[in-house]
Amino acid sequence: MNPRLLLINASLAGPRGNSAVVLERIARSLASRATLDTLVLAERSEPADWERAVRGADGFVFATGTYWDNWSSHLQQFLERLTSLEATDLWLGKPAAVLVSMHSVGGKEVVSRLQGILNTLGLQLPPLTGWAYSAASHFALDDSESDDSESEAAAPADDPIRDGIRADLWRIDDLEIVAHNLLQATIGGRDWRAWSVDRTAFGHRWIEPTRRD
């Protein structure tokens, strides 16, 4: 049987926000290999409803925006109201992915702190299932990849610093890696996949010094 995964939309905007789009995108990579349920925390529901949804899941995808360097108040309430279920079979050993959107900064910190809390609840954290995506990266990657001729005109064809930094930016396509690794953990597999990273330019200076006449 396919595992059952619960997609938890914790965005303040609910089904109209970025988290809904992110969950829709990862669902494309999960749907053929898992049964998917969605819980939208912005929609009125009670902790008993949350508990039933969580109890029936084999794994989880948490999605939230970044609000003043934190996850949403909906998600905070969710965690607080289910505190009594910490370290029970509701969570214990079930894998979880964390997807965070942000305008420019703060999202990676939200990912790391939320993963720590989920692990304390009893959840398993598979490799490369924490993802933070910014509007800044979204528009930068869109501008640089939308037209090859314009990109080549704007920067040298072989620019290891530029290419290395771009390799370190999370992309929408990386959700396929998150989905794969989450499913592997859910079924007990070990066929992990990795996204691209900067292995060459990470030590280079990329801010040019001020020129002095």
N, C-alpha and C. Protein backbone atom coordinates (compact mmCIF):
# COMPACT_ATOMS: atom_id res chain seq x y z
N MET A 1 0.84 -1.20 0.00
CA MET A 1 0.00 0.00 0.00
C MET A 1 0.87 1.25 0.00
N ASN A 2 0.37 2.29 -0.67
CA ASN A 2 1.08 3.57 -0.64
C ASN A 2 1.01 4.18 0.75
N PRO A 3 2.09 4.84 1.19
CA PRO A 3 2.01 5.55 2.48
C PRO A 3 1.04 6.72 2.39
N ARG A 4 0.50 7.11 3.54
CA ARG A 4 -0.40 8.25 3.61
C ARG A 4 0.37 9.43 4.20
N LEU A 5 0.43 10.52 3.46
CA LEU A 5 1.17 11.70 3.89
C LEU A 5 0.20 12.85 4.13
N LEU A 6 0.45 13.59 5.21
CA LEU A 6 -0.37 14.74 5.54
C LEU A 6 0.39 16.01 5.21
N LEU A 7 -0.17 16.83 4.32
CA LEU A 7 0.41 18.11 3.94
C LEU A 7 -0.23 19.18 4.82
N ILE A 8 0.57 19.82 5.66
CA ILE A 8 0.05 20.79 6.63
C ILE A 8 0.37 22.20 6.14
N ASN A 9 -0.66 22.91 5.70
CA ASN A 9 -0.52 24.29 5.25
C ASN A 9 -0.71 25.21 6.45
N ALA A 10 0.42 25.78 6.92
CA ALA A 10 0.39 26.63 8.10
C ALA A 10 0.41 28.12 7.77
N SER A 11 0.27 28.47 6.52
CA SER A 11 0.33 29.87 6.11
C SER A 11 -0.82 30.68 6.69
N LEU A 12 -0.56 31.94 7.01
CA LEU A 12 -1.64 32.83 7.44
C LEU A 12 -2.66 33.03 6.33
N ALA A 13 -2.20 32.93 5.09
CA ALA A 13 -3.09 33.13 3.94
C ALA A 13 -3.83 31.86 3.55
N GLY A 14 -3.55 30.76 4.21
CA GLY A 14 -4.26 29.52 3.93
C GLY A 14 -4.13 29.08 2.48
N PRO A 15 -5.24 28.75 1.82
CA PRO A 15 -5.18 28.24 0.44
C PRO A 15 -4.80 29.29 -0.59
N ARG A 16 -4.69 30.56 -0.18
CA ARG A 16 -4.37 31.63 -1.13
C ARG A 16 -2.90 32.06 -1.07
N GLY A 17 -2.12 31.45 -0.21
CA GLY A 17 -0.76 31.90 0.00
C GLY A 17 0.30 31.11 -0.75
N ASN A 18 1.55 31.50 -0.54
CA ASN A 18 2.67 30.81 -1.18
C ASN A 18 2.80 29.37 -0.72
N SER A 19 2.49 29.11 0.54
CA SER A 19 2.61 27.74 1.05
C SER A 19 1.69 26.79 0.30
N ALA A 20 0.51 27.27 -0.09
CA ALA A 20 -0.41 26.43 -0.85
C ALA A 20 0.19 26.06 -2.20
N VAL A 21 0.86 27.02 -2.84
CA VAL A 21 1.50 26.75 -4.13
C VAL A 21 2.66 25.77 -3.96
N VAL A 22 3.44 25.97 -2.91
CA VAL A 22 4.57 25.07 -2.64
C VAL A 22 4.07 23.65 -2.41
N LEU A 23 3.01 23.51 -1.63
CA LEU A 23 2.46 22.17 -1.37
C LEU A 23 1.88 21.55 -2.64
N GLU A 24 1.29 22.38 -3.47
CA GLU A 24 0.78 21.87 -4.75
C GLU A 24 1.92 21.33 -5.60
N ARG A 25 3.04 22.04 -5.59
CA ARG A 25 4.19 21.61 -6.39
C ARG A 25 4.79 20.31 -5.88
N ILE A 26 4.96 20.19 -4.56
CA ILE A 26 5.54 18.95 -4.05
C ILE A 26 4.56 17.79 -4.18
N ALA A 27 3.27 18.10 -4.15
CA ALA A 27 2.26 17.05 -4.31
C ALA A 27 2.38 16.37 -5.68
N ARG A 28 2.83 17.11 -6.69
CA ARG A 28 3.01 16.52 -8.01
C ARG A 28 4.03 15.39 -7.98
N SER A 29 5.05 15.55 -7.12
CA SER A 29 6.09 14.53 -7.02
C SER A 29 5.72 13.40 -6.08
N LEU A 30 4.70 13.62 -5.26
CA LEU A 30 4.31 12.62 -4.26
C LEU A 30 3.09 11.81 -4.68
N ALA A 31 2.22 12.38 -5.51
CA ALA A 31 0.89 11.83 -5.72
C ALA A 31 0.89 10.42 -6.29
N SER A 32 1.86 10.10 -7.15
CA SER A 32 1.86 8.78 -7.78
C SER A 32 2.36 7.68 -6.85
N ARG A 33 2.97 8.09 -5.71
CA ARG A 33 3.57 7.09 -4.81
C ARG A 33 3.03 7.18 -3.39
N ALA A 34 2.08 8.07 -3.15
CA ALA A 34 1.54 8.23 -1.80
C ALA A 34 0.10 8.72 -1.87
N THR A 35 -0.65 8.42 -0.83
CA THR A 35 -1.98 8.98 -0.66
C THR A 35 -1.83 10.27 0.12
N LEU A 36 -2.39 11.35 -0.39
CA LEU A 36 -2.16 12.68 0.19
C LEU A 36 -3.42 13.24 0.82
N ASP A 37 -3.27 13.77 2.02
CA ASP A 37 -4.31 14.53 2.68
C ASP A 37 -3.76 15.92 2.99
N THR A 38 -4.62 16.91 3.06
CA THR A 38 -4.19 18.29 3.33
C THR A 38 -4.92 18.83 4.54
N LEU A 39 -4.17 19.48 5.42
CA LEU A 39 -4.74 20.16 6.57
C LEU A 39 -4.36 21.63 6.48
N VAL A 40 -5.36 22.50 6.35
CA VAL A 40 -5.13 23.95 6.23
C VAL A 40 -5.43 24.57 7.59
N LEU A 41 -4.40 25.01 8.29
CA LEU A 41 -4.57 25.48 9.66
C LEU A 41 -5.33 26.80 9.73
N ALA A 42 -5.34 27.58 8.64
CA ALA A 42 -6.08 28.85 8.65
C ALA A 42 -7.58 28.63 8.62
N GLU A 43 -8.02 27.44 8.22
CA GLU A 43 -9.43 27.12 8.23
C GLU A 43 -9.82 26.65 9.63
N ARG A 44 -10.96 27.05 10.08
CA ARG A 44 -11.36 26.77 11.46
C ARG A 44 -11.49 25.26 11.69
N SER A 45 -10.77 24.78 12.68
CA SER A 45 -10.87 23.39 13.10
C SER A 45 -10.41 23.29 14.54
N GLU A 46 -10.71 22.18 15.17
CA GLU A 46 -10.39 21.96 16.58
C GLU A 46 -9.24 20.98 16.73
N PRO A 47 -8.54 21.02 17.87
CA PRO A 47 -7.44 20.07 18.09
C PRO A 47 -7.84 18.62 17.88
N ALA A 48 -9.08 18.27 18.17
CA ALA A 48 -9.52 16.89 17.94
C ALA A 48 -9.46 16.55 16.45
N ASP A 49 -9.78 17.52 15.59
CA ASP A 49 -9.69 17.31 14.15
C ASP A 49 -8.23 17.17 13.73
N TRP A 50 -7.36 17.99 14.32
CA TRP A 50 -5.94 17.90 14.02
C TRP A 50 -5.40 16.53 14.43
N GLU A 51 -5.80 16.08 15.61
CA GLU A 51 -5.31 14.80 16.10
C GLU A 51 -5.72 13.66 15.18
N ARG A 52 -6.95 13.66 14.72
CA ARG A 52 -7.41 12.61 13.81
C ARG A 52 -6.60 12.63 12.52
N ALA A 53 -6.34 13.83 11.98
CA ALA A 53 -5.57 13.94 10.74
C ALA A 53 -4.14 13.43 10.93
N VAL A 54 -3.54 13.81 12.05
CA VAL A 54 -2.15 13.40 12.33
C VAL A 54 -2.07 11.91 12.57
N ARG A 55 -3.04 11.36 13.29
CA ARG A 55 -3.00 9.94 13.64
C ARG A 55 -3.04 9.05 12.39
N GLY A 56 -3.73 9.49 11.37
CA GLY A 56 -3.84 8.66 10.18
C GLY A 56 -2.69 8.78 9.21
N ALA A 57 -1.69 9.60 9.52
CA ALA A 57 -0.59 9.86 8.58
C ALA A 57 0.63 9.01 8.88
N ASP A 58 1.34 8.63 7.81
CA ASP A 58 2.62 7.93 7.93
C ASP A 58 3.79 8.89 7.86
N GLY A 59 3.56 10.11 7.39
CA GLY A 59 4.60 11.12 7.27
C GLY A 59 3.95 12.46 7.03
N PHE A 60 4.78 13.52 7.08
CA PHE A 60 4.24 14.87 7.07
C PHE A 60 5.08 15.80 6.21
N VAL A 61 4.38 16.80 5.64
CA VAL A 61 5.05 17.94 5.02
C VAL A 61 4.47 19.19 5.67
N PHE A 62 5.32 19.95 6.37
CA PHE A 62 4.92 21.21 6.99
C PHE A 62 5.33 22.35 6.07
N ALA A 63 4.41 23.26 5.78
CA ALA A 63 4.72 24.43 4.95
C ALA A 63 4.23 25.69 5.65
N THR A 64 5.11 26.68 5.74
CA THR A 64 4.75 27.94 6.37
C THR A 64 5.51 29.08 5.73
N GLY A 65 4.96 30.27 5.82
CA GLY A 65 5.71 31.46 5.47
C GLY A 65 6.59 31.88 6.64
N THR A 66 7.35 32.96 6.43
CA THR A 66 8.21 33.50 7.48
C THR A 66 7.60 34.81 7.97
N TYR A 67 7.33 34.88 9.25
CA TYR A 67 6.67 36.05 9.84
C TYR A 67 7.54 36.55 11.00
N TRP A 68 8.24 37.66 10.77
CA TRP A 68 9.11 38.22 11.79
C TRP A 68 10.06 37.15 12.35
N ASP A 69 10.77 36.48 11.44
CA ASP A 69 11.77 35.47 11.78
C ASP A 69 11.16 34.24 12.47
N ASN A 70 9.90 33.98 12.22
CA ASN A 70 9.26 32.84 12.87
C ASN A 70 8.26 32.20 11.92
N TRP A 71 7.77 31.02 12.30
CA TRP A 71 6.68 30.41 11.56
C TRP A 71 5.38 31.09 11.94
N SER A 72 4.28 30.67 11.33
CA SER A 72 3.01 31.37 11.52
C SER A 72 2.44 31.13 12.91
N SER A 73 1.57 32.04 13.33
CA SER A 73 0.86 31.86 14.59
C SER A 73 -0.06 30.65 14.54
N HIS A 74 -0.57 30.30 13.36
CA HIS A 74 -1.38 29.08 13.21
C HIS A 74 -0.57 27.85 13.59
N LEU A 75 0.67 27.79 13.09
CA LEU A 75 1.50 26.63 13.39
C LEU A 75 1.90 26.60 14.86
N GLN A 76 2.16 27.78 15.44
CA GLN A 76 2.49 27.83 16.85
C GLN A 76 1.33 27.29 17.69
N GLN A 77 0.11 27.69 17.35
CA GLN A 77 -1.06 27.18 18.08
C GLN A 77 -1.21 25.68 17.89
N PHE A 78 -0.97 25.20 16.68
CA PHE A 78 -1.04 23.77 16.39
C PHE A 78 -0.09 23.00 17.30
N LEU A 79 1.16 23.46 17.39
CA LEU A 79 2.16 22.79 18.21
C LEU A 79 1.79 22.85 19.69
N GLU A 80 1.31 24.00 20.13
CA GLU A 80 0.96 24.16 21.55
C GLU A 80 -0.24 23.30 21.94
N ARG A 81 -1.24 23.27 21.07
CA ARG A 81 -2.47 22.54 21.42
C ARG A 81 -2.28 21.03 21.37
N LEU A 82 -1.24 20.56 20.66
CA LEU A 82 -0.96 19.12 20.58
C LEU A 82 0.23 18.72 21.44
N THR A 83 0.64 19.59 22.35
CA THR A 83 1.81 19.30 23.19
C THR A 83 1.63 18.02 24.00
N SER A 84 0.42 17.73 24.44
CA SER A 84 0.19 16.54 25.26
C SER A 84 0.48 15.24 24.49
N LEU A 85 0.60 15.33 23.19
CA LEU A 85 0.84 14.14 22.37
C LEU A 85 2.32 13.97 22.02
N GLU A 86 3.18 14.80 22.62
CA GLU A 86 4.61 14.71 22.39
C GLU A 86 5.12 13.30 22.70
N ALA A 87 5.97 12.78 21.79
CA ALA A 87 6.63 11.48 21.98
C ALA A 87 5.65 10.33 22.10
N THR A 88 4.49 10.45 21.48
CA THR A 88 3.54 9.33 21.42
C THR A 88 3.58 8.73 20.02
N ASP A 89 2.84 7.63 19.84
CA ASP A 89 2.85 6.97 18.53
C ASP A 89 2.24 7.82 17.44
N LEU A 90 1.62 8.93 17.81
CA LEU A 90 1.10 9.86 16.82
C LEU A 90 2.22 10.42 15.96
N TRP A 91 3.40 10.62 16.58
CA TRP A 91 4.54 11.22 15.90
C TRP A 91 5.73 10.28 15.77
N LEU A 92 5.90 9.39 16.72
CA LEU A 92 7.17 8.71 16.94
C LEU A 92 7.68 7.96 15.70
N GLY A 93 8.82 8.43 15.19
CA GLY A 93 9.48 7.78 14.07
C GLY A 93 8.93 8.11 12.70
N LYS A 94 7.85 8.91 12.65
CA LYS A 94 7.29 9.27 11.35
C LYS A 94 8.15 10.37 10.72
N PRO A 95 8.46 10.29 9.42
CA PRO A 95 9.31 11.31 8.78
C PRO A 95 8.55 12.58 8.46
N ALA A 96 9.29 13.69 8.46
CA ALA A 96 8.67 14.99 8.17
C ALA A 96 9.60 15.83 7.31
N ALA A 97 9.01 16.59 6.40
CA ALA A 97 9.72 17.59 5.61
C ALA A 97 9.21 18.97 6.04
N VAL A 98 10.08 19.98 5.92
CA VAL A 98 9.74 21.34 6.30
C VAL A 98 10.02 22.26 5.11
N LEU A 99 9.00 22.98 4.67
CA LEU A 99 9.10 23.89 3.53
C LEU A 99 8.73 25.29 3.99
N VAL A 100 9.67 26.24 3.81
CA VAL A 100 9.46 27.59 4.31
C VAL A 100 9.67 28.59 3.18
N SER A 101 8.74 29.51 3.01
CA SER A 101 8.91 30.60 2.05
C SER A 101 9.21 31.88 2.81
N MET A 102 9.86 32.82 2.13
CA MET A 102 10.24 34.10 2.75
C MET A 102 10.41 35.13 1.65
N HIS A 103 10.34 36.40 2.02
CA HIS A 103 10.63 37.45 1.05
C HIS A 103 12.13 37.51 0.75
N SER A 104 12.94 37.62 1.79
CA SER A 104 14.38 37.75 1.55
C SER A 104 15.22 37.00 2.57
N VAL A 105 14.90 37.10 3.86
CA VAL A 105 15.74 36.49 4.89
C VAL A 105 14.86 35.82 5.95
N GLY A 106 15.51 34.98 6.78
CA GLY A 106 14.86 34.39 7.94
C GLY A 106 14.36 32.98 7.75
N GLY A 107 14.13 32.55 6.51
CA GLY A 107 13.51 31.27 6.28
C GLY A 107 14.34 30.07 6.70
N LYS A 108 15.65 30.11 6.44
CA LYS A 108 16.49 28.98 6.82
C LYS A 108 16.51 28.81 8.34
N GLU A 109 16.53 29.91 9.08
CA GLU A 109 16.49 29.81 10.53
C GLU A 109 15.17 29.18 10.99
N VAL A 110 14.08 29.52 10.33
CA VAL A 110 12.79 28.92 10.66
C VAL A 110 12.83 27.41 10.39
N VAL A 111 13.40 27.02 9.27
CA VAL A 111 13.53 25.59 8.95
C VAL A 111 14.28 24.87 10.06
N SER A 112 15.44 25.39 10.44
CA SER A 112 16.30 24.72 11.42
C SER A 112 15.62 24.61 12.78
N ARG A 113 14.99 25.71 13.23
CA ARG A 113 14.34 25.67 14.54
C ARG A 113 13.11 24.76 14.54
N LEU A 114 12.36 24.79 13.45
CA LEU A 114 11.17 23.95 13.37
C LEU A 114 11.56 22.47 13.30
N GLN A 115 12.62 22.16 12.58
CA GLN A 115 13.08 20.77 12.54
C GLN A 115 13.46 20.29 13.94
N GLY A 116 14.10 21.16 14.73
CA GLY A 116 14.45 20.78 16.09
C GLY A 116 13.24 20.46 16.94
N ILE A 117 12.19 21.27 16.80
CA ILE A 117 10.96 21.02 17.56
C ILE A 117 10.28 19.75 17.10
N LEU A 118 10.22 19.53 15.80
CA LEU A 118 9.58 18.32 15.28
C LEU A 118 10.32 17.07 15.72
N ASN A 119 11.64 17.14 15.75
CA ASN A 119 12.42 15.99 16.23
C ASN A 119 12.14 15.73 17.70
N THR A 120 11.96 16.80 18.50
CA THR A 120 11.63 16.63 19.91
C THR A 120 10.23 16.03 20.08
N LEU A 121 9.31 16.36 19.20
CA LEU A 121 7.99 15.73 19.23
C LEU A 121 8.08 14.23 18.99
N GLY A 122 9.13 13.81 18.29
CA GLY A 122 9.31 12.39 18.00
C GLY A 122 9.43 12.06 16.53
N LEU A 123 9.40 13.10 15.69
CA LEU A 123 9.45 12.87 14.25
C LEU A 123 10.87 12.60 13.77
N GLN A 124 10.96 11.90 12.66
CA GLN A 124 12.22 11.60 12.00
C GLN A 124 12.50 12.65 10.93
N LEU A 125 13.76 13.08 10.79
CA LEU A 125 14.13 14.09 9.80
C LEU A 125 15.03 13.46 8.75
N PRO A 126 14.48 13.10 7.59
CA PRO A 126 15.30 12.53 6.53
C PRO A 126 16.27 13.56 5.96
N PRO A 127 17.34 13.13 5.30
CA PRO A 127 18.30 14.09 4.74
C PRO A 127 17.67 14.95 3.65
N LEU A 128 18.07 16.21 3.63
CA LEU A 128 17.68 17.15 2.59
C LEU A 128 16.16 17.24 2.42
N THR A 129 15.48 17.37 3.55
CA THR A 129 14.03 17.58 3.51
C THR A 129 13.65 18.88 4.22
N GLY A 130 14.64 19.76 4.42
CA GLY A 130 14.37 21.12 4.89
C GLY A 130 14.70 22.08 3.77
N TRP A 131 13.75 22.91 3.38
CA TRP A 131 13.85 23.74 2.16
C TRP A 131 13.34 25.13 2.46
N ALA A 132 14.13 26.15 2.13
CA ALA A 132 13.73 27.54 2.34
C ALA A 132 13.87 28.29 1.01
N TYR A 133 12.81 28.94 0.61
CA TYR A 133 12.77 29.56 -0.72
C TYR A 133 12.35 31.02 -0.58
N SER A 134 13.17 31.91 -1.15
CA SER A 134 12.92 33.34 -1.01
C SER A 134 12.42 33.95 -2.31
N ALA A 135 11.69 35.04 -2.16
CA ALA A 135 11.29 35.82 -3.34
C ALA A 135 12.52 36.36 -4.05
N ALA A 136 13.54 36.72 -3.27
CA ALA A 136 14.78 37.23 -3.88
C ALA A 136 15.41 36.18 -4.79
N SER A 137 15.51 34.94 -4.33
CA SER A 137 16.06 33.86 -5.16
C SER A 137 15.15 33.58 -6.36
N HIS A 138 13.84 33.59 -6.10
CA HIS A 138 12.89 33.29 -7.16
C HIS A 138 13.05 34.24 -8.35
N PHE A 139 13.12 35.53 -8.06
CA PHE A 139 13.24 36.50 -9.14
C PHE A 139 14.65 36.52 -9.71
N ALA A 140 15.66 36.30 -8.89
CA ALA A 140 17.03 36.26 -9.40
C ALA A 140 17.23 35.09 -10.35
N LEU A 141 16.73 33.92 -9.98
CA LEU A 141 16.88 32.75 -10.83
C LEU A 141 16.03 32.89 -12.08
N ASP A 142 14.85 33.47 -11.94
CA ASP A 142 13.99 33.67 -13.09
C ASP A 142 14.65 34.61 -14.10
N ASP A 143 15.27 35.69 -13.62
CA ASP A 143 15.93 36.64 -14.50
C ASP A 143 17.14 36.02 -15.19
N SER A 144 17.89 35.18 -14.45
CA SER A 144 19.13 34.65 -15.00
C SER A 144 18.91 33.45 -15.91
N GLU A 145 17.76 32.76 -15.77
CA GLU A 145 17.54 31.54 -16.52
C GLU A 145 16.49 31.69 -17.61
N SER A 146 15.81 32.85 -17.65
CA SER A 146 14.72 33.00 -18.60
C SER A 146 15.20 33.21 -20.02
N ASP A 147 16.37 33.79 -20.19
CA ASP A 147 16.87 34.08 -21.53
C ASP A 147 18.38 33.88 -21.54
N ASP A 148 18.84 32.79 -22.16
CA ASP A 148 20.26 32.46 -22.14
C ASP A 148 21.10 33.55 -22.78
N SER A 149 20.59 34.15 -23.85
CA SER A 149 21.38 35.17 -24.53
C SER A 149 21.58 36.39 -23.65
N GLU A 150 20.53 36.78 -22.92
CA GLU A 150 20.65 37.91 -22.01
C GLU A 150 21.58 37.58 -20.86
N SER A 151 21.52 36.34 -20.35
CA SER A 151 22.39 35.95 -19.25
C SER A 151 23.84 35.99 -19.68
N GLU A 152 24.12 35.49 -20.89
CA GLU A 152 25.50 35.47 -21.37
C GLU A 152 26.02 36.87 -21.60
N ALA A 153 25.13 37.77 -21.99
CA ALA A 153 25.56 39.15 -22.21
C ALA A 153 25.85 39.86 -20.90
N ALA A 154 25.11 39.45 -19.85
CA ALA A 154 25.25 40.13 -18.57
C ALA A 154 26.46 39.67 -17.79
N ALA A 155 26.93 38.43 -18.03
CA ALA A 155 28.04 37.89 -17.26
C ALA A 155 28.87 36.99 -18.15
N PRO A 156 30.16 36.79 -17.86
CA PRO A 156 31.01 35.90 -18.65
C PRO A 156 30.44 34.50 -18.67
N ALA A 157 30.69 33.78 -19.76
CA ALA A 157 30.17 32.42 -19.89
C ALA A 157 30.70 31.52 -18.79
N ASP A 158 31.98 31.67 -18.43
CA ASP A 158 32.58 30.87 -17.38
C ASP A 158 32.90 31.77 -16.19
N ASP A 159 32.02 31.81 -15.26
CA ASP A 159 32.18 32.62 -14.06
C ASP A 159 31.97 31.71 -12.85
N PRO A 160 33.03 31.08 -12.32
CA PRO A 160 32.86 30.08 -11.27
C PRO A 160 32.23 30.63 -10.00
N ILE A 161 32.50 31.90 -9.67
CA ILE A 161 31.92 32.46 -8.46
C ILE A 161 30.41 32.60 -8.63
N ARG A 162 30.02 33.22 -9.74
CA ARG A 162 28.59 33.39 -10.01
C ARG A 162 27.86 32.05 -10.09
N ASP A 163 28.44 31.09 -10.83
CA ASP A 163 27.79 29.80 -11.00
C ASP A 163 27.73 29.02 -9.69
N GLY A 164 28.80 29.15 -8.89
CA GLY A 164 28.81 28.45 -7.61
C GLY A 164 27.76 28.98 -6.66
N ILE A 165 27.61 30.29 -6.61
CA ILE A 165 26.61 30.89 -5.74
C ILE A 165 25.21 30.51 -6.20
N ARG A 166 24.98 30.54 -7.50
CA ARG A 166 23.67 30.14 -8.02
C ARG A 166 23.37 28.68 -7.69
N ALA A 167 24.40 27.83 -7.68
CA ALA A 167 24.20 26.42 -7.36
C ALA A 167 23.74 26.24 -5.92
N ASP A 168 24.07 27.20 -5.06
CA ASP A 168 23.72 27.11 -3.65
C ASP A 168 22.34 27.67 -3.33
N LEU A 169 21.64 28.21 -4.33
CA LEU A 169 20.30 28.74 -4.10
C LEU A 169 19.27 27.62 -4.25
N TRP A 170 18.36 27.54 -3.28
CA TRP A 170 17.26 26.58 -3.44
C TRP A 170 16.40 26.97 -4.62
N ARG A 171 15.91 25.97 -5.31
CA ARG A 171 15.04 26.14 -6.47
C ARG A 171 13.72 25.41 -6.23
N ILE A 172 12.71 25.78 -6.98
CA ILE A 172 11.44 25.06 -6.92
C ILE A 172 11.65 23.59 -7.27
N ASP A 173 12.51 23.33 -8.24
CA ASP A 173 12.75 21.94 -8.66
C ASP A 173 13.33 21.09 -7.55
N ASP A 174 13.95 21.71 -6.54
CA ASP A 174 14.50 20.93 -5.42
C ASP A 174 13.41 20.24 -4.61
N LEU A 175 12.16 20.65 -4.79
CA LEU A 175 11.07 19.96 -4.11
C LEU A 175 10.97 18.50 -4.54
N GLU A 176 11.44 18.18 -5.74
CA GLU A 176 11.46 16.78 -6.17
C GLU A 176 12.40 15.96 -5.31
N ILE A 177 13.53 16.56 -4.90
CA ILE A 177 14.48 15.88 -4.02
C ILE A 177 13.86 15.69 -2.64
N VAL A 178 13.21 16.73 -2.14
CA VAL A 178 12.55 16.64 -0.84
C VAL A 178 11.51 15.52 -0.86
N ALA A 179 10.70 15.48 -1.91
CA ALA A 179 9.66 14.46 -2.02
C ALA A 179 10.25 13.06 -2.06
N HIS A 180 11.30 12.90 -2.85
CA HIS A 180 11.93 11.58 -2.97
C HIS A 180 12.47 11.09 -1.63
N ASN A 181 13.21 11.95 -0.93
CA ASN A 181 13.82 11.54 0.33
C ASN A 181 12.78 11.30 1.42
N LEU A 182 11.71 12.11 1.42
CA LEU A 182 10.64 11.88 2.38
C LEU A 182 9.99 10.51 2.15
N LEU A 183 9.74 10.18 0.90
CA LEU A 183 9.14 8.88 0.58
C LEU A 183 10.07 7.74 0.94
N GLN A 184 11.37 7.92 0.68
CA GLN A 184 12.33 6.88 1.05
C GLN A 184 12.28 6.59 2.54
N ALA A 185 12.25 7.65 3.34
CA ALA A 185 12.19 7.46 4.79
C ALA A 185 10.87 6.80 5.20
N THR A 186 9.80 7.15 4.52
CA THR A 186 8.49 6.61 4.88
C THR A 186 8.41 5.11 4.62
N ILE A 187 9.04 4.64 3.55
CA ILE A 187 8.97 3.22 3.21
C ILE A 187 10.18 2.43 3.72
N GLY A 188 11.08 3.11 4.43
CA GLY A 188 12.25 2.43 4.97
C GLY A 188 13.37 2.25 3.97
N GLY A 189 13.40 3.04 2.91
CA GLY A 189 14.46 2.96 1.90
C GLY A 189 15.67 3.78 2.28
N ARG A 190 16.74 3.65 1.47
CA ARG A 190 17.97 4.40 1.71
C ARG A 190 18.54 4.98 0.41
N ASP A 191 17.70 5.09 -0.60
CA ASP A 191 18.14 5.61 -1.89
C ASP A 191 18.03 7.13 -1.88
N TRP A 192 18.91 7.77 -1.09
CA TRP A 192 18.83 9.22 -0.92
C TRP A 192 19.32 9.96 -2.16
N ARG A 193 18.77 11.13 -2.40
CA ARG A 193 19.22 12.01 -3.48
C ARG A 193 19.64 13.35 -2.90
N ALA A 194 20.49 14.07 -3.64
CA ALA A 194 20.98 15.37 -3.17
C ALA A 194 20.76 16.42 -4.25
N TRP A 195 20.53 17.65 -3.81
CA TRP A 195 20.42 18.77 -4.75
C TRP A 195 21.81 19.34 -4.99
N SER A 196 21.91 20.28 -5.93
CA SER A 196 23.20 20.88 -6.26
C SER A 196 23.68 21.77 -5.13
N VAL A 197 24.99 21.79 -4.92
CA VAL A 197 25.60 22.67 -3.93
C VAL A 197 26.88 23.27 -4.52
N ASP A 198 27.34 24.34 -3.93
CA ASP A 198 28.58 25.00 -4.34
C ASP A 198 29.76 24.26 -3.72
N ARG A 199 30.55 23.57 -4.53
CA ARG A 199 31.70 22.83 -4.03
C ARG A 199 33.03 23.49 -4.41
N THR A 200 32.98 24.63 -5.10
CA THR A 200 34.22 25.23 -5.59
C THR A 200 34.39 26.70 -5.22
N ALA A 201 33.31 27.47 -5.24
CA ALA A 201 33.42 28.93 -5.12
C ALA A 201 33.06 29.44 -3.74
N PHE A 202 32.84 28.56 -2.79
CA PHE A 202 32.32 29.01 -1.49
C PHE A 202 33.30 29.89 -0.72
N GLY A 203 34.60 29.81 -1.04
CA GLY A 203 35.57 30.62 -0.32
C GLY A 203 35.98 31.89 -1.04
N HIS A 204 35.40 32.13 -2.20
CA HIS A 204 35.79 33.30 -2.99
C HIS A 204 35.11 34.57 -2.49
N ARG A 205 35.79 35.68 -2.65
CA ARG A 205 35.18 36.98 -2.37
C ARG A 205 34.28 37.36 -3.54
N TRP A 206 33.10 37.83 -3.22
CA TRP A 206 32.18 38.24 -4.29
C TRP A 206 31.74 39.70 -4.16
N ILE A 207 32.17 40.40 -3.10
CA ILE A 207 31.94 41.85 -2.99
C ILE A 207 33.25 42.55 -3.35
N GLU A 208 33.21 43.36 -4.36
CA GLU A 208 34.41 44.05 -4.78
C GLU A 208 34.72 45.21 -3.87
N PRO A 209 36.01 45.42 -3.56
CA PRO A 209 36.37 46.55 -2.70
C PRO A 209 36.12 47.89 -3.39
N THR A 210 35.93 48.92 -2.59
CA THR A 210 35.71 50.26 -3.12
C THR A 210 36.99 50.75 -3.80
N ARG A 211 36.84 51.26 -4.99
CA ARG A 211 38.01 51.79 -5.70
C ARG A 211 38.40 53.17 -5.16
N ARG A 212 39.68 53.35 -4.97
CA ARG A 212 40.17 54.64 -4.48
C ARG A 212 41.01 55.31 -5.55
N ASP A 213 40.71 56.55 -5.84
CA ASP A 213 41.47 57.29 -6.86
C ASP A 213 42.81 57.73 -6.32
